[in-house]
PDB file of all heavy atoms in Angstrom:
ATOM      1  N   TYR A   1      -6.042  43.258  54.244  1.00  0.00           N
ATOM      2  CA  TYR A   1      -5.442  44.370  54.997  1.00  0.00           C
ATOM      3  C   TYR A   1      -5.022  45.494  54.038  1.00  0.00           C
ATOM      4  O   TYR A   1      -5.273  46.680  54.299  1.00  0.00           O
ATOM      5  CB  TYR A   1      -4.247  43.848  55.789  1.00  0.00           C
ATOM      6  CG  TYR A   1      -3.414  44.928  56.439  1.00  0.00           C
ATOM      7  CD1 TYR A   1      -3.843  45.571  57.592  1.00  0.00           C
ATOM      8  CD2 TYR A   1      -2.190  45.304  55.890  1.00  0.00           C
ATOM      9  CE1 TYR A   1      -3.091  46.566  58.191  1.00  0.00           C
ATOM     10  CE2 TYR A   1      -1.417  46.296  56.481  1.00  0.00           C
ATOM     11  CZ  TYR A   1      -1.869  46.923  57.619  1.00  0.00           C
ATOM     12  OH  TYR A   1      -1.103  47.911  58.195  1.00  0.00           O
ATOM     13  N   GLN A   2      -4.369  45.116  52.937  1.00  0.00           N
ATOM     14  CA  GLN A   2      -3.943  46.115  51.954  1.00  0.00           C
ATOM     15  C   GLN A   2      -5.144  46.794  51.293  1.00  0.00           C
ATOM     16  O   GLN A   2      -5.119  47.997  51.015  1.00  0.00           O
ATOM     17  CB  GLN A   2      -3.054  45.449  50.896  1.00  0.00           C
ATOM     18  CG  GLN A   2      -1.720  44.967  51.433  1.00  0.00           C
ATOM     19  CD  GLN A   2      -0.892  44.266  50.372  1.00  0.00           C
ATOM     20  OE1 GLN A   2      -1.400  43.902  49.308  1.00  0.00           O
ATOM     21  NE2 GLN A   2       0.388  44.055  50.661  1.00  0.00           N
ATOM     22  N   ARG A   3      -6.194  46.000  51.047  1.00  0.00           N
ATOM     23  CA  ARG A   3      -7.396  46.584  50.439  1.00  0.00           C
ATOM     24  C   ARG A   3      -8.038  47.619  51.361  1.00  0.00           C
ATOM     25  O   ARG A   3      -8.459  48.694  50.920  1.00  0.00           O
ATOM     26  CB  ARG A   3      -8.408  45.479  50.115  1.00  0.00           C
ATOM     27  CG  ARG A   3      -9.684  45.991  49.457  1.00  0.00           C
ATOM     28  CD  ARG A   3     -10.617  44.844  49.102  1.00  0.00           C
ATOM     29  NE  ARG A   3     -11.171  44.213  50.278  1.00  0.00           N
ATOM     30  CZ  ARG A   3     -12.280  44.618  50.904  1.00  0.00           C
ATOM     31  NH1 ARG A   3     -12.933  45.676  50.459  1.00  0.00           N
ATOM     32  NH2 ARG A   3     -12.726  43.988  51.961  1.00  0.00           N
ATOM     33  N   LYS A   4      -8.117  47.302  52.662  1.00  0.00           N
ATOM     34  CA  LYS A   4      -8.691  48.254  53.616  1.00  0.00           C
ATOM     35  C   LYS A   4      -7.864  49.533  53.679  1.00  0.00           C
ATOM     36  O   LYS A   4      -8.404  50.644  53.748  1.00  0.00           O
ATOM     37  CB  LYS A   4      -8.784  47.608  55.003  1.00  0.00           C
ATOM     38  CG  LYS A   4      -9.881  46.562  55.140  1.00  0.00           C
ATOM     39  CD  LYS A   4     -11.256  47.190  55.037  1.00  0.00           C
ATOM     40  CE  LYS A   4     -12.354  46.157  55.267  1.00  0.00           C
ATOM     41  NZ  LYS A   4     -13.701  46.766  55.110  1.00  0.00           N
ATOM     42  N   ASN A   5      -6.537  49.390  53.679  1.00  0.00           N
ATOM     43  CA  ASN A   5      -5.666  50.567  53.681  1.00  0.00           C
ATOM     44  C   ASN A   5      -5.879  51.405  52.425  1.00  0.00           C
ATOM     45  O   ASN A   5      -5.866  52.642  52.470  1.00  0.00           O
ATOM     46  CB  ASN A   5      -4.204  50.151  53.783  1.00  0.00           C
ATOM     47  CG  ASN A   5      -3.793  49.834  55.216  1.00  0.00           C
ATOM     48  OD1 ASN A   5      -4.451  50.262  56.175  1.00  0.00           O
ATOM     49  ND2 ASN A   5      -2.728  49.082  55.375  1.00  0.00           N
ATOM     50  N   LEU A   6      -6.059  50.726  51.287  1.00  0.00           N
ATOM     51  CA  LEU A   6      -6.298  51.441  50.035  1.00  0.00           C
ATOM     52  C   LEU A   6      -7.641  52.166  50.082  1.00  0.00           C
ATOM     53  O   LEU A   6      -7.756  53.296  49.589  1.00  0.00           O
ATOM     54  CB  LEU A   6      -6.252  50.458  48.870  1.00  0.00           C
ATOM     55  CG  LEU A   6      -6.349  51.052  47.459  1.00  0.00           C
ATOM     56  CD1 LEU A   6      -5.214  52.041  47.231  1.00  0.00           C
ATOM     57  CD2 LEU A   6      -6.303  49.948  46.401  1.00  0.00           C
ATOM     58  N   GLU A   7      -8.665  51.548  50.665  1.00  0.00           N
ATOM     59  CA  GLU A   7      -9.966  52.208  50.813  1.00  0.00           C
ATOM     60  C   GLU A   7      -9.838  53.460  51.677  1.00  0.00           C
ATOM     61  O   GLU A   7     -10.444  54.501  51.377  1.00  0.00           O
ATOM     62  CB  GLU A   7     -10.978  51.246  51.432  1.00  0.00           C
ATOM     63  CG  GLU A   7     -11.463  50.165  50.495  1.00  0.00           C
ATOM     64  CD  GLU A   7     -12.502  49.270  51.142  1.00  0.00           C
ATOM     65  OE1 GLU A   7     -12.926  49.589  52.276  1.00  0.00           O
ATOM     66  OE2 GLU A   7     -12.888  48.258  50.541  1.00  0.00           O
ATOM     67  N   ILE A   8      -9.047  53.369  52.753  1.00  0.00           N
ATOM     68  CA  ILE A   8      -8.830  54.533  53.629  1.00  0.00           C
ATOM     69  C   ILE A   8      -8.121  55.646  52.866  1.00  0.00           C
ATOM     70  O   ILE A   8      -8.467  56.834  53.000  1.00  0.00           O
ATOM     71  CB  ILE A   8      -8.011  54.117  54.866  1.00  0.00           C
ATOM     72  CG1 ILE A   8      -8.832  53.140  55.730  1.00  0.00           C
ATOM     73  CG2 ILE A   8      -7.603  55.332  55.683  1.00  0.00           C
ATOM     74  CD1 ILE A   8      -8.042  52.485  56.841  1.00  0.00           C
ATOM     75  N   GLU A   9      -7.151  55.270  52.038  1.00  0.00           N
ATOM     76  CA  GLU A   9      -6.422  56.259  51.239  1.00  0.00           C
ATOM     77  C   GLU A   9      -7.335  56.918  50.210  1.00  0.00           C
ATOM     78  O   GLU A   9      -7.299  58.141  50.016  1.00  0.00           O
ATOM     79  CB  GLU A   9      -5.256  55.563  50.532  1.00  0.00           C
ATOM     80  CG  GLU A   9      -4.334  56.522  49.786  1.00  0.00           C
ATOM     81  CD  GLU A   9      -3.163  55.805  49.141  1.00  0.00           C
ATOM     82  OE1 GLU A   9      -2.886  54.645  49.519  1.00  0.00           O
ATOM     83  OE2 GLU A   9      -2.529  56.408  48.257  1.00  0.00           O
ATOM     84  N   ILE A  10      -8.186  56.099  49.556  1.00  0.00           N
ATOM     85  CA  ILE A  10      -9.132  56.653  48.579  1.00  0.00           C
ATOM     86  C   ILE A  10     -10.125  57.583  49.269  1.00  0.00           C
ATOM     87  O   ILE A  10     -10.451  58.666  48.758  1.00  0.00           O
ATOM     88  CB  ILE A  10      -9.882  55.509  47.853  1.00  0.00           C
ATOM     89  CG1 ILE A  10      -8.908  54.689  47.005  1.00  0.00           C
ATOM     90  CG2 ILE A  10     -10.995  56.056  46.980  1.00  0.00           C
ATOM     91  CD1 ILE A  10      -9.527  53.444  46.402  1.00  0.00           C
ATOM     92  N   GLN A  11     -10.608  57.172  50.428  1.00  0.00           N
ATOM     93  CA  GLN A  11     -11.567  57.998  51.178  1.00  0.00           C
ATOM     94  C   GLN A  11     -10.958  59.340  51.556  1.00  0.00           C
ATOM     95  O   GLN A  11     -11.609  60.387  51.461  1.00  0.00           O
ATOM     96  CB  GLN A  11     -12.030  57.247  52.424  1.00  0.00           C
ATOM     97  CG  GLN A  11     -13.233  57.863  53.103  1.00  0.00           C
ATOM     98  CD  GLN A  11     -13.786  56.965  54.190  1.00  0.00           C
ATOM     99  OE1 GLN A  11     -13.037  56.292  54.889  1.00  0.00           O
ATOM    100  NE2 GLN A  11     -15.096  56.949  54.346  1.00  0.00           N
ATOM    101  N   LYS A  12      -9.691  59.321  51.961  1.00  0.00           N
ATOM    102  CA  LYS A  12      -8.996  60.565  52.316  1.00  0.00           C
ATOM    103  C   LYS A  12      -8.903  61.497  51.108  1.00  0.00           C
ATOM    104  O   LYS A  12      -9.168  62.697  51.205  1.00  0.00           O
ATOM    105  CB  LYS A  12      -7.598  60.235  52.833  1.00  0.00           C
ATOM    106  CG  LYS A  12      -6.748  61.453  53.149  1.00  0.00           C
ATOM    107  CD  LYS A  12      -5.341  61.036  53.531  1.00  0.00           C
ATOM    108  CE  LYS A  12      -4.450  62.265  53.711  1.00  0.00           C
ATOM    109  NZ  LYS A  12      -3.052  61.861  53.999  1.00  0.00           N
ATOM    110  N   LYS A  13      -8.552  60.929  49.954  1.00  0.00           N
ATOM    111  CA  LYS A  13      -8.420  61.735  48.728  1.00  0.00           C
ATOM    112  C   LYS A  13      -9.773  62.312  48.303  1.00  0.00           C
ATOM    113  O   LYS A  13      -9.866  63.493  47.943  1.00  0.00           O
ATOM    114  CB  LYS A  13      -7.841  60.878  47.605  1.00  0.00           C
ATOM    115  CG  LYS A  13      -7.720  61.601  46.265  1.00  0.00           C
ATOM    116  CD  LYS A  13      -7.182  60.682  45.206  1.00  0.00           C
ATOM    117  CE  LYS A  13      -7.057  61.411  43.862  1.00  0.00           C
ATOM    118  NZ  LYS A  13      -8.356  61.851  43.336  1.00  0.00           N
ATOM    119  N   LEU A  14     -10.822  61.486  48.347  1.00  0.00           N
ATOM    120  CA  LEU A  14     -12.143  61.942  47.915  1.00  0.00           C
ATOM    121  C   LEU A  14     -12.713  62.996  48.862  1.00  0.00           C
ATOM    122  O   LEU A  14     -13.378  63.932  48.423  1.00  0.00           O
ATOM    123  CB  LEU A  14     -13.098  60.757  47.801  1.00  0.00           C
ATOM    124  CG  LEU A  14     -12.754  59.708  46.732  1.00  0.00           C
ATOM    125  CD1 LEU A  14     -13.799  58.612  46.711  1.00  0.00           C
ATOM    126  CD2 LEU A  14     -12.633  60.346  45.360  1.00  0.00           C
ATOM    127  N   ASN A  15     -12.484  62.837  50.163  1.00  0.00           N
ATOM    128  CA  ASN A  15     -12.948  63.844  51.121  1.00  0.00           C
ATOM    129  C   ASN A  15     -12.286  65.193  50.852  1.00  0.00           C
ATOM    130  O   ASN A  15     -12.930  66.249  50.942  1.00  0.00           O
ATOM    131  CB  ASN A  15     -12.659  63.392  52.552  1.00  0.00           C
ATOM    132  CG  ASN A  15     -13.621  62.329  53.027  1.00  0.00           C
ATOM    133  OD1 ASN A  15     -14.723  62.200  52.507  1.00  0.00           O
ATOM    134  ND2 ASN A  15     -13.222  61.550  54.011  1.00  0.00           N
ATOM    135  N   TYR A  16     -11.004  65.151  50.523  1.00  0.00           N
ATOM    136  CA  TYR A  16     -10.304  66.401  50.190  1.00  0.00           C
ATOM    137  C   TYR A  16     -10.883  67.006  48.913  1.00  0.00           C
ATOM    138  O   TYR A  16     -11.089  68.224  48.823  1.00  0.00           O
ATOM    139  CB  TYR A  16      -8.811  66.138  50.011  1.00  0.00           C
ATOM    140  CG  TYR A  16      -8.032  67.365  49.610  1.00  0.00           C
ATOM    141  CD1 TYR A  16      -7.640  68.314  50.553  1.00  0.00           C
ATOM    142  CD2 TYR A  16      -7.718  67.591  48.272  1.00  0.00           C
ATOM    143  CE1 TYR A  16      -6.942  69.452  50.173  1.00  0.00           C
ATOM    144  CE2 TYR A  16      -7.018  68.731  47.883  1.00  0.00           C
ATOM    145  CZ  TYR A  16      -6.640  69.654  48.829  1.00  0.00           C
ATOM    146  OH  TYR A  16      -5.961  70.780  48.445  1.00  0.00           O
ATOM    147  N   GLU A  17     -11.168  66.134  47.942  1.00  0.00           N
ATOM    148  CA  GLU A  17     -11.645  66.607  46.641  1.00  0.00           C
ATOM    149  C   GLU A  17     -13.041  67.201  46.731  1.00  0.00           C
ATOM    150  O   GLU A  17     -13.317  68.269  46.160  1.00  0.00           O
ATOM    151  CB  GLU A  17     -11.649  65.437  45.651  1.00  0.00           C
ATOM    152  CG  GLU A  17     -12.070  65.798  44.248  1.00  0.00           C
ATOM    153  CD  GLU A  17     -11.027  66.590  43.487  1.00  0.00           C
ATOM    154  OE1 GLU A  17      -9.836  66.509  43.852  1.00  0.00           O
ATOM    155  OE2 GLU A  17     -11.416  67.313  42.555  1.00  0.00           O
ATOM    156  N   TYR A  18     -13.941  66.532  47.458  1.00  0.00           N
ATOM    157  CA  TYR A  18     -15.346  66.934  47.444  1.00  0.00           C
ATOM    158  C   TYR A  18     -15.769  67.783  48.637  1.00  0.00           C
ATOM    159  O   TYR A  18     -16.756  68.520  48.543  1.00  0.00           O
ATOM    160  CB  TYR A  18     -16.243  65.699  47.353  1.00  0.00           C
ATOM    161  CG  TYR A  18     -16.058  64.930  46.070  1.00  0.00           C
ATOM    162  CD1 TYR A  18     -15.714  63.591  46.078  1.00  0.00           C
ATOM    163  CD2 TYR A  18     -16.212  65.559  44.843  1.00  0.00           C
ATOM    164  CE1 TYR A  18     -15.531  62.891  44.894  1.00  0.00           C
ATOM    165  CE2 TYR A  18     -16.031  64.874  43.651  1.00  0.00           C
ATOM    166  CZ  TYR A  18     -15.693  63.535  43.678  1.00  0.00           C
ATOM    167  OH  TYR A  18     -15.508  62.855  42.504  1.00  0.00           O
ATOM    168  N   VAL A  19     -15.078  67.664  49.754  1.00  0.00           N
ATOM    169  CA  VAL A  19     -15.472  68.435  50.943  1.00  0.00           C
ATOM    170  C   VAL A  19     -14.611  69.685  51.081  1.00  0.00           C
ATOM    171  O   VAL A  19     -15.134  70.811  51.091  1.00  0.00           O
ATOM    172  CB  VAL A  19     -15.371  67.567  52.221  1.00  0.00           C
ATOM    173  CG1 VAL A  19     -15.817  68.377  53.433  1.00  0.00           C
ATOM    174  CG2 VAL A  19     -16.217  66.310  52.081  1.00  0.00           C
ATOM    175  N   ASN A  20     -13.298  69.492  51.170  1.00  0.00           N
ATOM    176  CA  ASN A  20     -12.417  70.633  51.416  1.00  0.00           C
ATOM    177  C   ASN A  20     -12.461  71.641  50.273  1.00  0.00           C
ATOM    178  O   ASN A  20     -12.561  72.850  50.499  1.00  0.00           O
ATOM    179  CB  ASN A  20     -10.990  70.139  51.632  1.00  0.00           C
ATOM    180  CG  ASN A  20     -10.057  71.253  52.092  1.00  0.00           C
ATOM    181  OD1 ASN A  20     -10.283  71.864  53.127  1.00  0.00           O
ATOM    182  ND2 ASN A  20      -9.036  71.532  51.310  1.00  0.00           N
ATOM    183  N   LYS A  21     -12.414  71.155  49.029  1.00  0.00           N
ATOM    184  CA  LYS A  21     -12.436  72.079  47.899  1.00  0.00           C
ATOM    185  C   LYS A  21     -13.765  72.821  47.808  1.00  0.00           C
ATOM    186  O   LYS A  21     -13.809  73.994  47.406  1.00  0.00           O
ATOM    187  CB  LYS A  21     -12.161  71.321  46.601  1.00  0.00           C
ATOM    188  CG  LYS A  21     -10.690  70.973  46.407  1.00  0.00           C
ATOM    189  CD  LYS A  21     -10.429  70.448  45.004  1.00  0.00           C
ATOM    190  CE  LYS A  21      -8.950  70.196  44.782  1.00  0.00           C
ATOM    191  NZ  LYS A  21      -8.674  69.706  43.410  1.00  0.00           N
ATOM    192  N   THR A  22     -14.855  72.136  48.165  1.00  0.00           N
ATOM    193  CA  THR A  22     -16.160  72.796  48.151  1.00  0.00           C
ATOM    194  C   THR A  22     -16.203  73.954  49.151  1.00  0.00           C
ATOM    195  O   THR A  22     -16.700  75.044  48.849  1.00  0.00           O
ATOM    196  CB  THR A  22     -17.272  71.781  48.482  1.00  0.00           C
ATOM    197  OG1 THR A  22     -17.279  70.750  47.493  1.00  0.00           O
ATOM    198  CG2 THR A  22     -18.636  72.457  48.507  1.00  0.00           C
ATOM    199  N   VAL A  23     -15.679  73.705  50.347  1.00  0.00           N
ATOM    200  CA  VAL A  23     -15.651  74.761  51.370  1.00  0.00           C
ATOM    201  C   VAL A  23     -14.793  75.932  50.906  1.00  0.00           C
ATOM    202  O   VAL A  23     -15.169  77.104  51.083  1.00  0.00           O
ATOM    203  CB  VAL A  23     -15.123  74.189  52.704  1.00  0.00           C
ATOM    204  CG1 VAL A  23     -14.953  75.304  53.722  1.00  0.00           C
ATOM    205  CG2 VAL A  23     -16.072  73.130  53.238  1.00  0.00           C
ATOM    206  N   LEU A  24     -13.647  75.639  50.288  1.00  0.00           N
ATOM    207  CA  LEU A  24     -12.779  76.716  49.799  1.00  0.00           C
ATOM    208  C   LEU A  24     -13.442  77.506  48.674  1.00  0.00           C
ATOM    209  O   LEU A  24     -13.311  78.730  48.601  1.00  0.00           O
ATOM    210  CB  LEU A  24     -11.450  76.132  49.312  1.00  0.00           C
ATOM    211  CG  LEU A  24     -10.566  75.480  50.392  1.00  0.00           C
ATOM    212  CD1 LEU A  24      -9.295  74.906  49.778  1.00  0.00           C
ATOM    213  CD2 LEU A  24     -10.213  76.480  51.486  1.00  0.00           C
ATOM    214  N   HIS A  25     -14.188  76.814  47.806  1.00  0.00           N
ATOM    215  CA  HIS A  25     -14.882  77.507  46.721  1.00  0.00           C
ATOM    216  C   HIS A  25     -16.009  78.390  47.242  1.00  0.00           C
ATOM    217  O   HIS A  25     -16.397  79.363  46.576  1.00  0.00           O
ATOM    218  CB  HIS A  25     -15.447  76.492  45.728  1.00  0.00           C
ATOM    219  CG  HIS A  25     -14.387  75.833  44.897  1.00  0.00           C
ATOM    220  ND1 HIS A  25     -14.577  74.612  44.281  1.00  0.00           N
ATOM    221  CD2 HIS A  25     -13.121  76.197  44.601  1.00  0.00           C
ATOM    222  CE1 HIS A  25     -13.475  74.278  43.630  1.00  0.00           C
ATOM    223  NE2 HIS A  25     -12.578  75.216  43.822  1.00  0.00           N
ATOM    224  N   MET A  26     -16.550  78.052  48.426  1.00  0.00           N
ATOM    225  CA  MET A  26     -17.615  78.867  49.004  1.00  0.00           C
ATOM    226  C   MET A  26     -17.127  80.280  49.342  1.00  0.00           C
ATOM    227  O   MET A  26     -17.940  81.209  49.434  1.00  0.00           O
ATOM    228  CB  MET A  26     -18.169  78.194  50.265  1.00  0.00           C
ATOM    229  CG  MET A  26     -19.009  76.956  49.974  1.00  0.00           C
ATOM    230  SD  MET A  26     -19.472  76.049  51.474  1.00  0.00           S
ATOM    231  CE  MET A  26     -20.500  77.258  52.289  1.00  0.00           C
ATOM    232  N   LEU A  27     -15.805  80.449  49.490  1.00  0.00           N
ATOM    233  CA  LEU A  27     -15.252  81.775  49.792  1.00  0.00           C
ATOM    234  C   LEU A  27     -15.503  82.757  48.657  1.00  0.00           C
ATOM    235  O   LEU A  27     -15.501  83.972  48.858  1.00  0.00           O
ATOM    236  CB  LEU A  27     -13.750  81.668  50.064  1.00  0.00           C
ATOM    237  CG  LEU A  27     -13.327  80.852  51.292  1.00  0.00           C
ATOM    238  CD1 LEU A  27     -11.816  80.689  51.320  1.00  0.00           C
ATOM    239  CD2 LEU A  27     -13.812  81.520  52.577  1.00  0.00           C
ATOM    240  N   TYR A  28     -15.718  82.231  47.444  1.00  0.00           N
ATOM    241  CA  TYR A  28     -15.873  83.090  46.270  1.00  0.00           C
ATOM    242  C   TYR A  28     -17.328  83.247  45.846  1.00  0.00           C
ATOM    243  O   TYR A  28     -17.609  83.833  44.810  1.00  0.00           O
ATOM    244  CB  TYR A  28     -15.056  82.511  45.107  1.00  0.00           C
ATOM    245  CG  TYR A  28     -13.582  82.389  45.428  1.00  0.00           C
ATOM    246  CD1 TYR A  28     -13.057  81.188  45.888  1.00  0.00           C
ATOM    247  CD2 TYR A  28     -12.731  83.488  45.298  1.00  0.00           C
ATOM    248  CE1 TYR A  28     -11.708  81.070  46.200  1.00  0.00           C
ATOM    249  CE2 TYR A  28     -11.375  83.380  45.606  1.00  0.00           C
ATOM    250  CZ  TYR A  28     -10.874  82.166  46.057  1.00  0.00           C
ATOM    251  OH  TYR A  28      -9.540  82.056  46.373  1.00  0.00           O
ATOM    252  N   LEU A  29     -18.250  82.701  46.652  1.00  0.00           N
ATOM    253  CA  LEU A  29     -19.671  82.852  46.329  1.00  0.00           C
ATOM    254  C   LEU A  29     -20.143  84.264  46.667  1.00  0.00           C
ATOM    255  O   LEU A  29     -19.609  84.906  47.586  1.00  0.00           O
ATOM    256  CB  LEU A  29     -20.506  81.838  47.109  1.00  0.00           C
ATOM    257  CG  LEU A  29     -20.380  80.374  46.685  1.00  0.00           C
ATOM    258  CD1 LEU A  29     -21.113  79.470  47.673  1.00  0.00           C
ATOM    259  CD2 LEU A  29     -20.939  80.169  45.290  1.00  0.00           C
ATOM    260  N   PRO A  30     -21.149  84.791  45.958  1.00  0.00           N
ATOM    261  CA  PRO A  30     -21.664  86.135  46.271  1.00  0.00           C
ATOM    262  C   PRO A  30     -22.386  86.146  47.612  1.00  0.00           C
ATOM    263  O   PRO A  30     -22.858  85.120  48.096  1.00  0.00           O
ATOM    264  CB  PRO A  30     -22.631  86.412  45.113  1.00  0.00           C
ATOM    265  CG  PRO A  30     -23.019  85.064  44.599  1.00  0.00           C
ATOM    266  CD  PRO A  30     -21.825  84.181  44.801  1.00  0.00           C
ATOM    267  N   PHE A  31     -22.499  87.347  48.193  1.00  0.00           N
ATOM    268  CA  PHE A  31     -23.142  87.474  49.500  1.00  0.00           C
ATOM    269  C   PHE A  31     -24.601  87.033  49.472  1.00  0.00           C
ATOM    270  O   PHE A  31     -25.129  86.538  50.464  1.00  0.00           O
ATOM    271  CB  PHE A  31     -23.062  88.928  49.988  1.00  0.00           C
ATOM    272  CG  PHE A  31     -21.691  89.321  50.446  1.00  0.00           C
ATOM    273  CD1 PHE A  31     -20.946  90.228  49.722  1.00  0.00           C
ATOM    274  CD2 PHE A  31     -21.141  88.771  51.597  1.00  0.00           C
ATOM    275  CE1 PHE A  31     -19.673  90.596  50.135  1.00  0.00           C
ATOM    276  CE2 PHE A  31     -19.878  89.120  52.017  1.00  0.00           C
ATOM    277  CZ  PHE A  31     -19.126  90.037  51.282  1.00  0.00           C
ATOM    278  N   LYS A  32     -25.262  87.208  48.320  1.00  0.00           N
ATOM    279  CA  LYS A  32     -26.692  86.861  48.256  1.00  0.00           C
ATOM    280  C   LYS A  32     -26.915  85.372  48.485  1.00  0.00           C
ATOM    281  O   LYS A  32     -27.988  84.964  48.941  1.00  0.00           O
ATOM    282  CB  LYS A  32     -27.277  87.278  46.906  1.00  0.00           C
ATOM    283  CG  LYS A  32     -26.589  86.661  45.700  1.00  0.00           C
ATOM    284  CD  LYS A  32     -27.157  87.232  44.411  1.00  0.00           C
ATOM    285  CE  LYS A  32     -26.447  86.667  43.190  1.00  0.00           C
ATOM    286  NZ  LYS A  32     -26.978  87.240  41.934  1.00  0.00           N
ATOM    287  N   TYR A  33     -25.903  84.531  48.170  1.00  0.00           N
ATOM    288  CA  TYR A  33     -26.052  83.106  48.414  1.00  0.00           C
ATOM    289  C   TYR A  33     -26.163  82.833  49.910  1.00  0.00           C
ATOM    290  O   TYR A  33     -26.973  82.024  50.349  1.00  0.00           O
ATOM    291  CB  TYR A  33     -24.865  82.351  47.837  1.00  0.00           C
ATOM    292  CG  TYR A  33     -24.902  80.861  48.115  1.00  0.00           C
ATOM    293  CD1 TYR A  33     -25.686  80.015  47.345  1.00  0.00           C
ATOM    294  CD2 TYR A  33     -24.168  80.308  49.163  1.00  0.00           C
ATOM    295  CE1 TYR A  33     -25.735  78.651  47.596  1.00  0.00           C
ATOM    296  CE2 TYR A  33     -24.208  78.943  49.423  1.00  0.00           C
ATOM    297  CZ  TYR A  33     -24.995  78.122  48.633  1.00  0.00           C
ATOM    298  OH  TYR A  33     -25.042  76.781  48.904  1.00  0.00           O
ATOM    299  N   PHE A  34     -25.372  83.529  50.721  1.00  0.00           N
ATOM    300  CA  PHE A  34     -25.397  83.314  52.165  1.00  0.00           C
ATOM    301  C   PHE A  34     -26.629  83.959  52.796  1.00  0.00           C
ATOM    302  O   PHE A  34     -27.050  83.542  53.877  1.00  0.00           O
ATOM    303  CB  PHE A  34     -24.119  83.874  52.797  1.00  0.00           C
ATOM    304  CG  PHE A  34     -22.885  83.156  52.356  1.00  0.00           C
ATOM    305  CD1 PHE A  34     -22.133  83.623  51.293  1.00  0.00           C
ATOM    306  CD2 PHE A  34     -22.481  81.991  52.987  1.00  0.00           C
ATOM    307  CE1 PHE A  34     -20.996  82.946  50.874  1.00  0.00           C
ATOM    308  CE2 PHE A  34     -21.344  81.308  52.584  1.00  0.00           C
ATOM    309  CZ  PHE A  34     -20.603  81.787  51.518  1.00  0.00           C
ATOM    310  N   ASN A  35     -27.213  84.938  52.129  1.00  0.00           N
ATOM    311  CA  ASN A  35     -28.465  85.516  52.629  1.00  0.00           C
ATOM    312  C   ASN A  35     -29.624  84.541  52.488  1.00  0.00           C
ATOM    313  O   ASN A  35     -30.604  84.615  53.213  1.00  0.00           O
ATOM    314  CB  ASN A  35     -28.787  86.805  51.857  1.00  0.00           C
ATOM    315  CG  ASN A  35     -27.854  87.943  52.214  1.00  0.00           C
ATOM    316  OD1 ASN A  35     -27.286  87.967  53.307  1.00  0.00           O
ATOM    317  ND2 ASN A  35     -27.676  88.874  51.289  1.00  0.00           N
ATOM    318  N   CYS A  36     -29.496  83.611  51.514  1.00  0.00           N
ATOM    319  CA  CYS A  36     -30.573  82.657  51.257  1.00  0.00           C
ATOM    320  C   CYS A  36     -30.446  81.392  52.094  1.00  0.00           C
ATOM    321  O   CYS A  36     -31.332  80.550  52.065  1.00  0.00           O
ATOM    322  CB  CYS A  36     -30.579  82.263  49.774  1.00  0.00           C
ATOM    323  SG  CYS A  36     -30.893  83.650  48.668  1.00  0.00           S
ATOM    324  N   ASN A  37     -29.351  81.238  52.820  1.00  0.00           N
ATOM    325  CA  ASN A  37     -29.118  79.997  53.568  1.00  0.00           C
ATOM    326  C   ASN A  37     -28.585  80.308  54.951  1.00  0.00           C
ATOM    327  O   ASN A  37     -27.681  81.147  55.101  1.00  0.00           O
ATOM    328  CB  ASN A  37     -28.096  79.115  52.846  1.00  0.00           C
ATOM    329  CG  ASN A  37     -28.580  78.641  51.502  1.00  0.00           C
ATOM    330  OD1 ASN A  37     -29.288  77.650  51.397  1.00  0.00           O
ATOM    331  ND2 ASN A  37     -28.211  79.367  50.446  1.00  0.00           N
ATOM    332  N   GLN A  38     -29.136  79.655  55.964  1.00  0.00           N
ATOM    333  CA  GLN A  38     -28.624  79.805  57.315  1.00  0.00           C
ATOM    334  C   GLN A  38     -27.322  79.045  57.477  1.00  0.00           C
ATOM    335  O   GLN A  38     -27.024  78.114  56.719  1.00  0.00           O
ATOM    336  CB  GLN A  38     -29.640  79.285  58.327  1.00  0.00           C
ATOM    337  CG  GLN A  38     -30.856  80.186  58.476  1.00  0.00           C
ATOM    338  CD  GLN A  38     -31.750  79.718  59.605  1.00  0.00           C
ATOM    339  OE1 GLN A  38     -31.607  78.622  60.118  1.00  0.00           O
ATOM    340  NE2 GLN A  38     -32.682  80.565  59.999  1.00  0.00           N
ATOM    341  N   GLU A  39     -26.542  79.444  58.497  1.00  0.00           N
ATOM    342  CA  GLU A  39     -25.244  78.817  58.704  1.00  0.00           C
ATOM    343  C   GLU A  39     -25.379  77.314  58.954  1.00  0.00           C
ATOM    344  O   GLU A  39     -24.609  76.504  58.439  1.00  0.00           O
ATOM    345  CB  GLU A  39     -24.517  79.466  59.895  1.00  0.00           C
ATOM    346  CG  GLU A  39     -24.168  80.937  59.699  1.00  0.00           C
ATOM    347  CD  GLU A  39     -25.311  81.864  60.074  1.00  0.00           C
ATOM    348  OE1 GLU A  39     -26.434  81.361  60.289  1.00  0.00           O
ATOM    349  OE2 GLU A  39     -25.098  83.084  60.125  1.00  0.00           O
ATOM    350  N   GLY A  40     -26.387  76.938  59.754  1.00  0.00           N
ATOM    351  CA  GLY A  40     -26.566  75.519  60.067  1.00  0.00           C
ATOM    352  C   GLY A  40     -26.939  74.700  58.843  1.00  0.00           C
ATOM    353  O   GLY A  40     -26.519  73.551  58.698  1.00  0.00           O
TER     354      GLY A  40
END
Protein backbone atom coordinates (compact mmCIF):
# COMPACT_ATOMS: atom_id res chain seq x y z
CA TYR A 1 0.00 0.00 0.00
CA GLN A 2 2.81 2.41 0.92
CA ARG A 3 4.71 1.51 -2.25
CA LYS A 4 1.67 2.27 -4.43
CA ASN A 5 1.21 5.62 -2.68
CA LEU A 6 4.88 6.40 -3.26
CA GLU A 7 4.53 5.51 -6.97
CA ILE A 8 1.55 7.90 -7.20
CA GLU A 9 3.60 10.63 -5.52
CA ILE A 10 6.55 10.04 -7.86
CA GLN A 11 4.23 10.07 -10.88
CA LYS A 12 2.75 13.39 -9.76
CA LYS A 13 6.22 14.94 -9.38
CA LEU A 14 7.46 13.63 -12.74
CA ASN A 15 4.33 14.81 -14.58
CA TYR A 16 4.89 18.29 -13.18
CA GLU A 17 8.57 18.16 -14.13
CA TYR A 18 8.20 16.86 -17.68
CA VAL A 19 4.71 17.93 -18.77
CA ASN A 20 3.84 21.16 -16.99
CA LYS A 21 7.30 22.71 -17.27
CA THR A 22 7.48 21.79 -20.95
CA VAL A 23 4.18 23.57 -21.64
CA LEU A 24 5.36 26.64 -19.72
CA HIS A 25 8.65 26.69 -21.64
CA MET A 26 6.68 26.63 -24.90
CA LEU A 27 5.56 30.20 -24.07
CA TYR A 28 9.10 31.37 -24.84
CA LEU A 29 9.49 29.58 -28.17
CA PRO A 30 9.72 31.73 -31.35
CA PHE A 31 6.66 32.11 -33.56
CA LYS A 32 8.32 30.16 -36.38
CA TYR A 33 8.17 27.01 -34.24
CA PHE A 34 4.36 27.22 -34.10
CA ASN A 35 4.22 27.91 -37.84
CA CYS A 36 5.89 24.53 -38.41
CA ASN A 37 3.48 22.57 -36.20
CA GLN A 38 -0.30 22.34 -36.05
CA GLU A 39 -2.05 22.76 -32.72
CA GLY A 40 -3.18 19.12 -32.66
